[in-house]
PDB file of all heavy atoms in Angstrom:
ATOM      1  N   LEU A   1     -36.128  84.260-171.566  1.00  0.00           N
ATOM      2  CA  LEU A   1     -36.527  83.421-172.680  1.00  0.00           C
ATOM      3  C   LEU A   1     -36.907  82.044-172.161  1.00  0.00           C
ATOM      4  O   LEU A   1     -36.159  81.410-171.420  1.00  0.00           O
ATOM      5  CB  LEU A   1     -35.365  83.315-173.667  1.00  0.00           C
ATOM      6  CG  LEU A   1     -35.678  82.998-175.124  1.00  0.00           C
ATOM      7  CD1 LEU A   1     -36.635  84.011-175.722  1.00  0.00           C
ATOM      8  CD2 LEU A   1     -34.384  82.953-175.918  1.00  0.00           C
ATOM      9  N   LEU A   2     -38.117  81.568-172.530  1.00  0.00           N
ATOM     10  CA  LEU A   2     -38.626  80.262-172.130  1.00  0.00           C
ATOM     11  C   LEU A   2     -38.808  79.413-173.378  1.00  0.00           C
ATOM     12  O   LEU A   2     -39.099  79.933-174.447  1.00  0.00           O
ATOM     13  CB  LEU A   2     -39.975  80.394-171.420  1.00  0.00           C
ATOM     14  CG  LEU A   2     -40.063  81.385-170.259  1.00  0.00           C
ATOM     15  CD1 LEU A   2     -41.499  81.462-169.754  1.00  0.00           C
ATOM     16  CD2 LEU A   2     -39.126  80.985-169.141  1.00  0.00           C
ATOM     17  N   VAL A   3     -38.657  78.107-173.222  1.00  0.00           N
ATOM     18  CA  VAL A   3     -38.833  77.217-174.372  1.00  0.00           C
ATOM     19  C   VAL A   3     -39.845  76.137-174.025  1.00  0.00           C
ATOM     20  O   VAL A   3     -39.871  75.640-172.903  1.00  0.00           O
ATOM     21  CB  VAL A   3     -37.494  76.584-174.817  1.00  0.00           C
ATOM     22  CG1 VAL A   3     -36.902  75.688-173.747  1.00  0.00           C
ATOM     23  CG2 VAL A   3     -37.659  75.836-176.123  1.00  0.00           C
ATOM     24  N   SER A   4     -40.707  75.804-174.992  1.00  0.00           N
ATOM     25  CA  SER A   4     -41.683  74.725-174.835  1.00  0.00           C
ATOM     26  C   SER A   4     -41.250  73.528-175.662  1.00  0.00           C
ATOM     27  O   SER A   4     -40.682  73.702-176.744  1.00  0.00           O
ATOM     28  CB  SER A   4     -43.066  75.159-175.339  1.00  0.00           C
ATOM     29  OG  SER A   4     -43.567  76.212-174.593  1.00  0.00           O
ATOM     30  N   PRO A   5     -41.530  72.311-175.179  1.00  0.00           N
ATOM     31  CA  PRO A   5     -41.274  71.152-176.038  1.00  0.00           C
ATOM     32  C   PRO A   5     -42.190  71.189-177.252  1.00  0.00           C
ATOM     33  O   PRO A   5     -43.228  71.859-177.246  1.00  0.00           O
ATOM     34  CB  PRO A   5     -41.605  69.965-175.127  1.00  0.00           C
ATOM     35  CG  PRO A   5     -42.490  70.511-174.065  1.00  0.00           C
ATOM     36  CD  PRO A   5     -42.101  71.947-173.886  1.00  0.00           C
ATOM     37  N   SER A   6     -41.812  70.479-178.292  1.00  0.00           N
ATOM     38  CA  SER A   6     -42.656  70.419-179.485  1.00  0.00           C
ATOM     39  C   SER A   6     -44.015  69.847-179.123  1.00  0.00           C
ATOM     40  O   SER A   6     -44.112  68.917-178.322  1.00  0.00           O
ATOM     41  CB  SER A   6     -41.997  69.551-180.557  1.00  0.00           C
ATOM     42  OG  SER A   6     -40.792  70.135-180.980  1.00  0.00           O
ATOM     43  N   PRO A   7     -45.082  70.376-179.707  1.00  0.00           N
ATOM     44  CA  PRO A   7     -46.419  69.869-179.389  1.00  0.00           C
ATOM     45  C   PRO A   7     -46.621  68.462-179.931  1.00  0.00           C
ATOM     46  O   PRO A   7     -45.988  68.057-180.902  1.00  0.00           O
ATOM     47  CB  PRO A   7     -47.354  70.864-180.078  1.00  0.00           C
ATOM     48  CG  PRO A   7     -46.531  71.484-181.141  1.00  0.00           C
ATOM     49  CD  PRO A   7     -45.127  71.498-180.656  1.00  0.00           C
ATOM     50  N   SER A   8     -47.541  67.739-179.300  1.00  0.00           N
ATOM     51  CA  SER A   8     -47.851  66.377-179.742  1.00  0.00           C
ATOM     52  C   SER A   8     -48.709  66.418-181.005  1.00  0.00           C
ATOM     53  O   SER A   8     -49.272  67.461-181.372  1.00  0.00           O
ATOM     54  CB  SER A   8     -48.619  65.630-178.645  1.00  0.00           C
ATOM     55  OG  SER A   8     -49.914  66.194-178.493  1.00  0.00           O
ATOM     56  N   MET A   9     -48.838  65.274-181.660  1.00  0.00           N
ATOM     57  CA  MET A   9     -49.677  65.193-182.851  1.00  0.00           C
ATOM     58  C   MET A   9     -51.128  65.526-182.511  1.00  0.00           C
ATOM     59  O   MET A   9     -51.789  66.288-183.244  1.00  0.00           O
ATOM     60  CB  MET A   9     -49.592  63.796-183.478  1.00  0.00           C
ATOM     61  CG  MET A   9     -50.390  63.668-184.768  1.00  0.00           C
ATOM     62  SD  MET A   9     -50.276  62.046-185.537  1.00  0.00           S
ATOM     63  CE  MET A   9     -48.565  62.051-186.075  1.00  0.00           C
ATOM     64  N   ASP A  10     -51.647  64.975-181.403  1.00  0.00           N
ATOM     65  CA  ASP A  10     -53.029  65.267-181.018  1.00  0.00           C
ATOM     66  C   ASP A  10     -53.235  66.762-180.793  1.00  0.00           C
ATOM     67  O   ASP A  10     -54.262  67.335-181.177  1.00  0.00           O
ATOM     68  CB  ASP A  10     -53.416  64.491-179.754  1.00  0.00           C
ATOM     69  CG  ASP A  10     -53.722  63.031-180.037  1.00  0.00           C
ATOM     70  OD1 ASP A  10     -53.822  62.646-181.219  1.00  0.00           O
ATOM     71  OD2 ASP A  10     -53.871  62.267-179.061  1.00  0.00           O
ATOM     72  N   HIS A  11     -52.263  67.402-180.161  1.00  0.00           N
ATOM     73  CA  HIS A  11     -52.332  68.839-179.909  1.00  0.00           C
ATOM     74  C   HIS A  11     -52.499  69.597-181.230  1.00  0.00           C
ATOM     75  O   HIS A  11     -53.359  70.482-181.360  1.00  0.00           O
ATOM     76  CB  HIS A  11     -51.044  69.263-179.204  1.00  0.00           C
ATOM     77  CG  HIS A  11     -51.047  70.672-178.694  1.00  0.00           C
ATOM     78  ND1 HIS A  11     -51.280  70.982-177.370  1.00  0.00           N
ATOM     79  CD2 HIS A  11     -50.828  71.854-179.320  1.00  0.00           C
ATOM     80  CE1 HIS A  11     -51.207  72.290-177.208  1.00  0.00           C
ATOM     81  NE2 HIS A  11     -50.934  72.843-178.379  1.00  0.00           N
ATOM     82  N   MET A  12     -51.709  69.236-182.227  1.00  0.00           N
ATOM     83  CA  MET A  12     -51.758  69.921-183.516  1.00  0.00           C
ATOM     84  C   MET A  12     -53.031  69.609-184.290  1.00  0.00           C
ATOM     85  O   MET A  12     -53.565  70.470-184.998  1.00  0.00           O
ATOM     86  CB  MET A  12     -50.522  69.566-184.341  1.00  0.00           C
ATOM     87  CG  MET A  12     -49.211  70.026-183.718  1.00  0.00           C
ATOM     88  SD  MET A  12     -49.215  71.779-183.240  1.00  0.00           S
ATOM     89  CE  MET A  12     -49.325  72.573-184.845  1.00  0.00           C
ATOM     90  N   ILE A  13     -53.542  68.372-184.159  1.00  0.00           N
ATOM     91  CA  ILE A  13     -54.820  68.028-184.799  1.00  0.00           C
ATOM     92  C   ILE A  13     -55.935  68.895-184.234  1.00  0.00           C
ATOM     93  O   ILE A  13     -56.769  69.438-184.976  1.00  0.00           O
ATOM     94  CB  ILE A  13     -55.139  66.526-184.614  1.00  0.00           C
ATOM     95  CG1 ILE A  13     -54.185  65.673-185.450  1.00  0.00           C
ATOM     96  CG2 ILE A  13     -56.597  66.236-184.976  1.00  0.00           C
ATOM     97  CD1 ILE A  13     -54.274  64.186-185.156  1.00  0.00           C
ATOM     98  N   VAL A  14     -55.952  69.056-182.913  1.00  0.00           N
ATOM     99  CA  VAL A  14     -56.985  69.873-182.270  1.00  0.00           C
ATOM    100  C   VAL A  14     -56.891  71.320-182.746  1.00  0.00           C
ATOM    101  O   VAL A  14     -57.915  71.953-183.065  1.00  0.00           O
ATOM    102  CB  VAL A  14     -56.868  69.771-180.735  1.00  0.00           C
ATOM    103  CG1 VAL A  14     -57.711  70.840-180.057  1.00  0.00           C
ATOM    104  CG2 VAL A  14     -57.297  68.387-180.265  1.00  0.00           C
ATOM    105  N   ILE A  15     -55.698  71.858-182.816  1.00  0.00           N
ATOM    106  CA  ILE A  15     -55.537  73.236-183.286  1.00  0.00           C
ATOM    107  C   ILE A  15     -56.045  73.377-184.720  1.00  0.00           C
ATOM    108  O   ILE A  15     -56.774  74.323-185.041  1.00  0.00           O
ATOM    109  CB  ILE A  15     -54.063  73.676-183.178  1.00  0.00           C
ATOM    110  CG1 ILE A  15     -53.665  73.794-181.706  1.00  0.00           C
ATOM    111  CG2 ILE A  15     -53.838  75.002-183.900  1.00  0.00           C
ATOM    112  CD1 ILE A  15     -52.176  73.973-181.478  1.00  0.00           C
ATOM    113  N   ALA A  16     -55.679  72.433-185.585  1.00  0.00           N
ATOM    114  CA  ALA A  16     -56.123  72.497-186.981  1.00  0.00           C
ATOM    115  C   ALA A  16     -57.646  72.457-187.080  1.00  0.00           C
ATOM    116  O   ALA A  16     -58.255  73.199-187.864  1.00  0.00           O
ATOM    117  CB  ALA A  16     -55.508  71.352-187.782  1.00  0.00           C
ATOM    118  N   ARG A  17     -58.280  71.613-186.284  1.00  0.00           N
ATOM    119  CA  ARG A  17     -59.749  71.512-186.341  1.00  0.00           C
ATOM    120  C   ARG A  17     -60.426  72.732-185.727  1.00  0.00           C
ATOM    121  O   ARG A  17     -61.512  73.133-186.171  1.00  0.00           O
ATOM    122  CB  ARG A  17     -60.194  70.208-185.682  1.00  0.00           C
ATOM    123  CG  ARG A  17     -59.772  69.011-186.531  1.00  0.00           C
ATOM    124  CD  ARG A  17     -60.324  67.712-186.037  1.00  0.00           C
ATOM    125  NE  ARG A  17     -59.877  66.629-186.918  1.00  0.00           N
ATOM    126  CZ  ARG A  17     -59.975  65.344-186.618  1.00  0.00           C
ATOM    127  NH1 ARG A  17     -60.513  64.962-185.464  1.00  0.00           N
ATOM    128  NH2 ARG A  17     -59.548  64.435-187.473  1.00  0.00           N
ATOM    129  N   LEU A  18     -59.795  73.341-184.727  1.00  0.00           N
ATOM    130  CA  LEU A  18     -60.327  74.600-184.202  1.00  0.00           C
ATOM    131  C   LEU A  18     -60.281  75.689-185.272  1.00  0.00           C
ATOM    132  O   LEU A  18     -61.231  76.461-185.427  1.00  0.00           O
ATOM    133  CB  LEU A  18     -59.529  75.040-182.975  1.00  0.00           C
ATOM    134  CG  LEU A  18     -59.918  74.431-181.637  1.00  0.00           C
ATOM    135  CD1 LEU A  18     -58.878  74.767-180.571  1.00  0.00           C
ATOM    136  CD2 LEU A  18     -61.308  74.910-181.199  1.00  0.00           C
ATOM    137  N   VAL A  19     -59.168  75.739-186.002  1.00  0.00           N
ATOM    138  CA  VAL A  19     -59.046  76.727-187.084  1.00  0.00           C
ATOM    139  C   VAL A  19     -60.169  76.537-188.099  1.00  0.00           C
ATOM    140  O   VAL A  19     -60.832  77.500-188.506  1.00  0.00           O
ATOM    141  CB  VAL A  19     -57.669  76.634-187.778  1.00  0.00           C
ATOM    142  CG1 VAL A  19     -57.652  77.454-189.059  1.00  0.00           C
ATOM    143  CG2 VAL A  19     -56.559  77.093-186.840  1.00  0.00           C
ATOM    144  N   VAL A  20     -60.414  75.285-188.502  1.00  0.00           N
ATOM    145  CA  VAL A  20     -61.457  75.008-189.494  1.00  0.00           C
ATOM    146  C   VAL A  20     -62.828  75.431-188.964  1.00  0.00           C
ATOM    147  O   VAL A  20     -63.603  76.102-189.666  1.00  0.00           O
ATOM    148  CB  VAL A  20     -61.448  73.520-189.885  1.00  0.00           C
ATOM    149  CG1 VAL A  20     -62.684  73.176-190.718  1.00  0.00           C
ATOM    150  CG2 VAL A  20     -60.177  73.175-190.656  1.00  0.00           C
ATOM    151  N   GLN A  21     -63.138  75.061-187.715  1.00  0.00           N
ATOM    152  CA  GLN A  21     -64.447  75.412-187.163  1.00  0.00           C
ATOM    153  C   GLN A  21     -64.610  76.922-187.030  1.00  0.00           C
ATOM    154  O   GLN A  21     -65.663  77.475-187.334  1.00  0.00           O
ATOM    155  CB  GLN A  21     -64.663  74.740-185.799  1.00  0.00           C
ATOM    156  CG  GLN A  21     -64.907  73.242-185.875  1.00  0.00           C
ATOM    157  CD  GLN A  21     -65.434  72.673-184.562  1.00  0.00           C
ATOM    158  OE1 GLN A  21     -66.278  73.283-183.902  1.00  0.00           O
ATOM    159  NE2 GLN A  21     -64.943  71.504-184.198  1.00  0.00           N
ATOM    160  N   LEU A  22     -63.560  77.607-186.581  1.00  0.00           N
ATOM    161  CA  LEU A  22     -63.661  79.045-186.362  1.00  0.00           C
ATOM    162  C   LEU A  22     -63.676  79.830-187.669  1.00  0.00           C
ATOM    163  O   LEU A  22     -64.449  80.785-187.825  1.00  0.00           O
ATOM    164  CB  LEU A  22     -62.496  79.533-185.500  1.00  0.00           C
ATOM    165  CG  LEU A  22     -62.588  79.189-184.013  1.00  0.00           C
ATOM    166  CD1 LEU A  22     -61.251  79.443-183.327  1.00  0.00           C
ATOM    167  CD2 LEU A  22     -63.703  80.003-183.349  1.00  0.00           C
ATOM    168  N   ASP A  23     -62.847  79.424-188.610  1.00  0.00           N
ATOM    169  CA  ASP A  23     -62.686  80.195-189.840  1.00  0.00           C
ATOM    170  C   ASP A  23     -64.003  80.350-190.590  1.00  0.00           C
ATOM    171  O   ASP A  23     -64.278  81.393-191.180  1.00  0.00           O
ATOM    172  CB  ASP A  23     -61.623  79.549-190.727  1.00  0.00           C
ATOM    173  CG  ASP A  23     -61.229  80.443-191.888  1.00  0.00           C
ATOM    174  OD1 ASP A  23     -60.846  81.605-191.628  1.00  0.00           O
ATOM    175  OD2 ASP A  23     -61.317  80.003-193.047  1.00  0.00           O
ATOM    176  N   GLY A  24     -64.807  79.321-190.566  1.00  0.00           N
ATOM    177  CA  GLY A  24     -66.086  79.383-191.270  1.00  0.00           C
ATOM    178  C   GLY A  24     -67.125  80.250-190.587  1.00  0.00           C
ATOM    179  O   GLY A  24     -68.182  80.523-191.167  1.00  0.00           O
ATOM    180  N   GLN A  25     -66.849  80.700-189.354  1.00  0.00           N
ATOM    181  CA  GLN A  25     -67.832  81.475-188.605  1.00  0.00           C
ATOM    182  C   GLN A  25     -67.446  82.940-188.406  1.00  0.00           C
ATOM    183  O   GLN A  25     -68.290  83.741-187.998  1.00  0.00           O
ATOM    184  CB  GLN A  25     -68.043  80.841-187.218  1.00  0.00           C
ATOM    185  CG  GLN A  25     -68.555  79.412-187.285  1.00  0.00           C
ATOM    186  CD  GLN A  25     -68.727  78.817-185.902  1.00  0.00           C
ATOM    187  OE1 GLN A  25     -69.545  79.291-185.112  1.00  0.00           O
ATOM    188  NE2 GLN A  25     -67.952  77.793-185.587  1.00  0.00           N
ATOM    189  N   LEU A  26     -66.201  83.271-188.688  1.00  0.00           N
ATOM    190  CA  LEU A  26     -65.766  84.647-188.450  1.00  0.00           C
ATOM    191  C   LEU A  26     -66.283  85.567-189.550  1.00  0.00           C
ATOM    192  O   LEU A  26     -66.250  85.222-190.726  1.00  0.00           O
ATOM    193  CB  LEU A  26     -64.239  84.727-188.408  1.00  0.00           C
ATOM    194  CG  LEU A  26     -63.545  83.988-187.264  1.00  0.00           C
ATOM    195  CD1 LEU A  26     -62.045  84.236-187.312  1.00  0.00           C
ATOM    196  CD2 LEU A  26     -64.113  84.405-185.913  1.00  0.00           C
ATOM    197  N   PRO A  27     -66.743  86.750-189.174  1.00  0.00           N
ATOM    198  CA  PRO A  27     -67.203  87.702-190.189  1.00  0.00           C
ATOM    199  C   PRO A  27     -66.022  88.291-190.952  1.00  0.00           C
ATOM    200  O   PRO A  27     -64.858  88.168-190.536  1.00  0.00           O
ATOM    201  CB  PRO A  27     -67.911  88.780-189.354  1.00  0.00           C
ATOM    202  CG  PRO A  27     -67.254  88.711-188.021  1.00  0.00           C
ATOM    203  CD  PRO A  27     -66.901  87.263-187.805  1.00  0.00           C
ATOM    204  N   ARG A  28     -66.319  88.912-192.057  1.00  0.00           N
ATOM    205  CA  ARG A  28     -65.293  89.602-192.845  1.00  0.00           C
ATOM    206  C   ARG A  28     -64.568  90.607-191.939  1.00  0.00           C
ATOM    207  O   ARG A  28     -65.186  91.287-191.114  1.00  0.00           O
ATOM    208  CB  ARG A  28     -65.950  90.328-194.014  1.00  0.00           C
ATOM    209  CG  ARG A  28     -64.965  90.992-194.970  1.00  0.00           C
ATOM    210  CD  ARG A  28     -65.717  91.709-196.088  1.00  0.00           C
ATOM    211  NE  ARG A  28     -66.503  90.771-196.872  1.00  0.00           N
ATOM    212  CZ  ARG A  28     -66.047  90.062-197.896  1.00  0.00           C
ATOM    213  NH1 ARG A  28     -64.772  90.163-198.240  1.00  0.00           N
ATOM    214  NH2 ARG A  28     -66.842  89.246-198.567  1.00  0.00           N
ATOM    215  N   GLY A  29     -63.253  90.663-192.096  1.00  0.00           N
ATOM    216  CA  GLY A  29     -62.467  91.605-191.295  1.00  0.00           C
ATOM    217  C   GLY A  29     -61.748  90.972-190.128  1.00  0.00           C
ATOM    218  O   GLY A  29     -60.973  91.647-189.447  1.00  0.00           O
ATOM    219  N   LEU A  30     -62.012  89.669-189.884  1.00  0.00           N
ATOM    220  CA  LEU A  30     -61.345  88.968-188.788  1.00  0.00           C
ATOM    221  C   LEU A  30     -60.585  87.762-189.317  1.00  0.00           C
ATOM    222  O   LEU A  30     -60.963  87.164-190.324  1.00  0.00           O
ATOM    223  CB  LEU A  30     -62.351  88.512-187.726  1.00  0.00           C
ATOM    224  CG  LEU A  30     -63.108  89.605-186.979  1.00  0.00           C
ATOM    225  CD1 LEU A  30     -64.050  88.973-185.958  1.00  0.00           C
ATOM    226  CD2 LEU A  30     -62.151  90.574-186.291  1.00  0.00           C
ATOM    227  N   GLN A  31     -59.530  87.396-188.608  1.00  0.00           N
ATOM    228  CA  GLN A  31     -58.697  86.258-188.978  1.00  0.00           C
ATOM    229  C   GLN A  31     -58.476  85.362-187.757  1.00  0.00           C
ATOM    230  O   GLN A  31     -58.336  85.865-186.639  1.00  0.00           O
ATOM    231  CB  GLN A  31     -57.302  86.732-189.442  1.00  0.00           C
ATOM    232  CG  GLN A  31     -57.294  87.656-190.618  1.00  0.00           C
ATOM    233  CD  GLN A  31     -57.444  86.912-191.922  1.00  0.00           C
ATOM    234  OE1 GLN A  31     -57.208  85.711-191.991  1.00  0.00           O
ATOM    235  NE2 GLN A  31     -57.825  87.619-192.969  1.00  0.00           N
ATOM    236  N   VAL A  32     -58.432  84.055-187.997  1.00  0.00           N
ATOM    237  CA  VAL A  32     -57.970  83.133-186.956  1.00  0.00           C
ATOM    238  C   VAL A  32     -56.556  82.724-187.351  1.00  0.00           C
ATOM    239  O   VAL A  32     -56.314  82.303-188.484  1.00  0.00           O
ATOM    240  CB  VAL A  32     -58.905  81.908-186.781  1.00  0.00           C
ATOM    241  CG1 VAL A  32     -59.113  81.144-188.070  1.00  0.00           C
ATOM    242  CG2 VAL A  32     -58.375  80.985-185.689  1.00  0.00           C
ATOM    243  N   VAL A  33     -55.611  82.891-186.422  1.00  0.00           N
ATOM    244  CA  VAL A  33     -54.192  82.706-186.725  1.00  0.00           C
ATOM    245  C   VAL A  33     -53.577  81.754-185.702  1.00  0.00           C
ATOM    246  O   VAL A  33     -53.643  82.026-184.499  1.00  0.00           O
ATOM    247  CB  VAL A  33     -53.439  84.053-186.681  1.00  0.00           C
ATOM    248  CG1 VAL A  33     -51.995  83.873-187.135  1.00  0.00           C
ATOM    249  CG2 VAL A  33     -54.146  85.108-187.516  1.00  0.00           C
ATOM    250  N   PRO A  34     -52.974  80.647-186.145  1.00  0.00           N
ATOM    251  CA  PRO A  34     -52.335  79.741-185.197  1.00  0.00           C
ATOM    252  C   PRO A  34     -50.884  80.127-184.905  1.00  0.00           C
ATOM    253  O   PRO A  34     -50.166  80.608-185.777  1.00  0.00           O
ATOM    254  CB  PRO A  34     -52.392  78.385-185.922  1.00  0.00           C
ATOM    255  CG  PRO A  34     -52.396  78.732-187.373  1.00  0.00           C
ATOM    256  CD  PRO A  34     -53.073  80.076-187.495  1.00  0.00           C
ATOM    257  N   ASP A  35     -50.484  79.954-183.641  1.00  0.00           N
ATOM    258  CA  ASP A  35     -49.080  79.874-183.258  1.00  0.00           C
ATOM    259  C   ASP A  35     -48.233  81.070-183.680  1.00  0.00           C
ATOM    260  O   ASP A  35     -47.233  80.922-184.388  1.00  0.00           O
ATOM    261  CB  ASP A  35     -48.499  78.576-183.846  1.00  0.00           C
ATOM    262  CG  ASP A  35     -47.175  78.187-183.200  1.00  0.00           C
ATOM    263  OD1 ASP A  35     -46.993  78.431-182.007  1.00  0.00           O
ATOM    264  OD2 ASP A  35     -46.324  77.644-183.929  1.00  0.00           O
ATOM    265  N   VAL A  36     -48.614  82.290-183.265  1.00  0.00           N
ATOM    266  CA  VAL A  36     -47.782  83.464-183.527  1.00  0.00           C
ATOM    267  C   VAL A  36     -47.518  84.207-182.215  1.00  0.00           C
ATOM    268  O   VAL A  36     -48.294  84.132-181.266  1.00  0.00           O
ATOM    269  CB  VAL A  36     -48.419  84.440-184.560  1.00  0.00           C
ATOM    270  CG1 VAL A  36     -48.521  83.797-185.924  1.00  0.00           C
ATOM    271  CG2 VAL A  36     -49.769  84.930-184.088  1.00  0.00           C
TER     272      VAL A  36
END
């Protein structure tokens, strides 16, 4: 079992914006999922 420190605010902002950019481009039947 490995543990990571909590991500920084900038890290989470980038992830959120990647989700927004990707979600609008994926065809039906696909999902973009953060942090699972």
